[in-house]
C-alpha atoms as a PDB file:
ATOM      1  CA  MET A   1     -65.178  45.287  82.560  1.00  0.00           C
ATOM      2  CA  ASN A   2     -67.613  47.883  81.612  1.00  0.00           C
ATOM      3  CA  ILE A   3     -67.976  49.357  77.902  1.00  0.00           C
ATOM      4  CA  ASN A   4     -69.478  52.819  77.901  1.00  0.00           C
ATOM      5  CA  VAL A   5     -70.553  54.203  74.678  1.00  0.00           C
ATOM      6  CA  LEU A   6     -70.439  57.810  75.369  1.00  0.00           C
ATOM      7  CA  LYS A   7     -73.403  59.812  73.973  1.00  0.00           C
ATOM      8  CA  ASP A   8     -71.579  61.360  70.842  1.00  0.00           C
ATOM      9  CA  GLY A   9     -68.222  59.962  71.809  1.00  0.00           C
ATOM     10  CA  PRO A  10     -65.575  57.236  71.640  1.00  0.00           C
ATOM     11  CA  LEU A  11     -66.405  53.741  73.553  1.00  0.00           C
ATOM     12  CA  LEU A  12     -64.884  53.921  77.276  1.00  0.00           C
ATOM     13  CA  ILE A  13     -63.304  50.955  78.067  1.00  0.00           C
ATOM     14  CA  THR A  14     -62.351  50.675  81.872  1.00  0.00           C
ATOM     15  CA  GLY A  15     -60.997  47.580  83.937  1.00  0.00           C
ATOM     16  CA  ILE A  16     -58.964  45.874  81.252  1.00  0.00           C
ATOM     17  CA  ASN A  17     -55.549  44.215  81.275  1.00  0.00           C
ATOM     18  CA  CYS A  18     -55.396  43.042  77.273  1.00  0.00           C
ATOM     19  CA  ASP A  19     -53.499  43.606  74.174  1.00  0.00           C
ATOM     20  CA  VAL A  20     -54.572  45.192  71.314  1.00  0.00           C
ATOM     21  CA  LEU A  21     -53.772  44.295  67.602  1.00  0.00           C
ATOM     22  CA  HIS A  22     -52.927  46.832  65.350  1.00  0.00           C
ATOM     23  CA  ALA A  23     -53.818  46.304  61.475  1.00  0.00           C
ATOM     24  CA  ASP A  24     -49.993  46.551  60.627  1.00  0.00           C
ATOM     25  CA  GLY A  25     -49.777  43.407  63.254  1.00  0.00           C
ATOM     26  CA  THR A  26     -48.019  45.574  65.949  1.00  0.00           C
ATOM     27  CA  LYS A  27     -49.448  44.454  69.416  1.00  0.00           C
ATOM     28  CA  GLU A  28     -49.857  47.038  72.280  1.00  0.00           C
ATOM     29  CA  SER A  29     -50.724  45.966  76.212  1.00  0.00           C
ATOM     30  CA  LYS A  30     -53.244  48.200  77.648  1.00  0.00           C
ATOM     31  CA  GLN A  31     -54.124  48.448  81.466  1.00  0.00           C
ATOM     32  CA  GLY A  32     -56.312  50.151  83.476  1.00  0.00           C
ATOM     33  CA  SER A  33     -58.994  52.142  80.788  1.00  0.00           C
ATOM     34  CA  ILE A  34     -58.736  53.279  76.818  1.00  0.00           C
ATOM     35  CA  ALA A  35     -61.210  55.244  74.585  1.00  0.00           C
ATOM     36  CA  LEU A  36     -61.792  53.537  71.110  1.00  0.00           C
ATOM     37  CA  CYS A  37     -63.004  55.700  68.244  1.00  0.00           C
ATOM     38  CA  ARG A  38     -66.236  55.330  66.922  1.00  0.00           C
ATOM     39  CA  CYS A  39     -66.483  58.235  64.576  1.00  0.00           C
ATOM     40  CA  GLY A  40     -63.861  57.119  62.117  1.00  0.00           C
ATOM     41  CA  GLN A  41     -61.834  60.411  62.297  1.00  0.00           C
ATOM     42  CA  SER A  42     -58.976  59.868  65.014  1.00  0.00           C
ATOM     43  CA  ALA A  43     -55.771  60.016  63.805  1.00  0.00           C
ATOM     44  CA  THR A  44     -55.027  57.695  66.290  1.00  0.00           C
ATOM     45  CA  LYS A  45     -57.249  54.642  65.394  1.00  0.00           C
ATOM     46  CA  PRO A  46     -58.052  52.230  67.303  1.00  0.00           C
ATOM     47  CA  PHE A  47     -57.899  55.294  69.850  1.00  0.00           C
ATOM     48  CA  CYS A  48     -59.855  58.335  70.579  1.00  0.00           C
ATOM     49  CA  ASP A  49     -58.009  61.664  69.984  1.00  0.00           C
ATOM     50  CA  GLY A  50     -60.987  63.727  70.560  1.00  0.00           C
ATOM     51  CA  SER A  51     -62.108  64.395  66.514  1.00  0.00           C
ATOM     52  CA  HIS A  52     -65.880  63.288  67.446  1.00  0.00           C
ATOM     53  CA  LYS A  53     -66.034  66.525  68.569  1.00  0.00           C
ATOM     54  CA  GLN A  54     -66.205  68.283  65.068  1.00  0.00           C
ATOM     55  CA  GLY A  55     -69.780  66.887  64.818  1.00  0.00           C
ATOM     56  CA  PHE A  56     -69.957  62.937  65.568  1.00  0.00           C
ATOM     57  CA  LYS A  57     -73.651  62.290  66.771  1.00  0.00           C
ATOM     58  CA  GLY A  58     -73.751  58.643  68.399  1.00  0.00           C
ATOM     59  CA  GLN A  59     -76.187  57.457  70.956  1.00  0.00           C
ATOM     60  CA  PRO A  60     -74.963  56.257  74.552  1.00  0.00           C
ATOM     61  CA  ILE A  61     -75.345  52.986  76.059  1.00  0.00           C
ATOM     62  CA  GLN A  62     -73.844  50.688  78.726  1.00  0.00           C
ATOM     63  CA  LEU A  63     -72.223  47.322  78.417  1.00  0.00           C
ATOM     64  CA  ILE A  64     -71.168  45.415  81.625  1.00  0.00           C
ATOM     65  CA  LEU A  65     -69.451  42.150  80.853  1.00  0.00           C
ATOM     66  CA  ASP A  66     -69.422  39.608  83.937  1.00  0.00           C
ATOM     67  CA  ASP A  67     -66.376  37.601  83.542  1.00  0.00           C
ATOM     68  CA  ASN A  68     -67.788  34.929  85.719  1.00  0.00           C
ATOM     69  CA  GLN A  69     -70.792  33.818  83.924  1.00  0.00           C
ATOM     70  CA  SER A  70     -70.838  30.599  82.373  1.00  0.00           C
END
């Protein structure tokens, strides 16, 4: 799994096979990749809908998680 915090954009998570538990208790299965809102303006939270393009500023970083480490 790779997590990229995009400059002025969302968290882009690739290589996933997980369930997303929403605030209302519903569970949604996701595979492949997802973009999670970081600006707080998305109408489809927790997912990104592109609202960050209205002026959100944030620095990029990359996290690489190794599931094989102890």
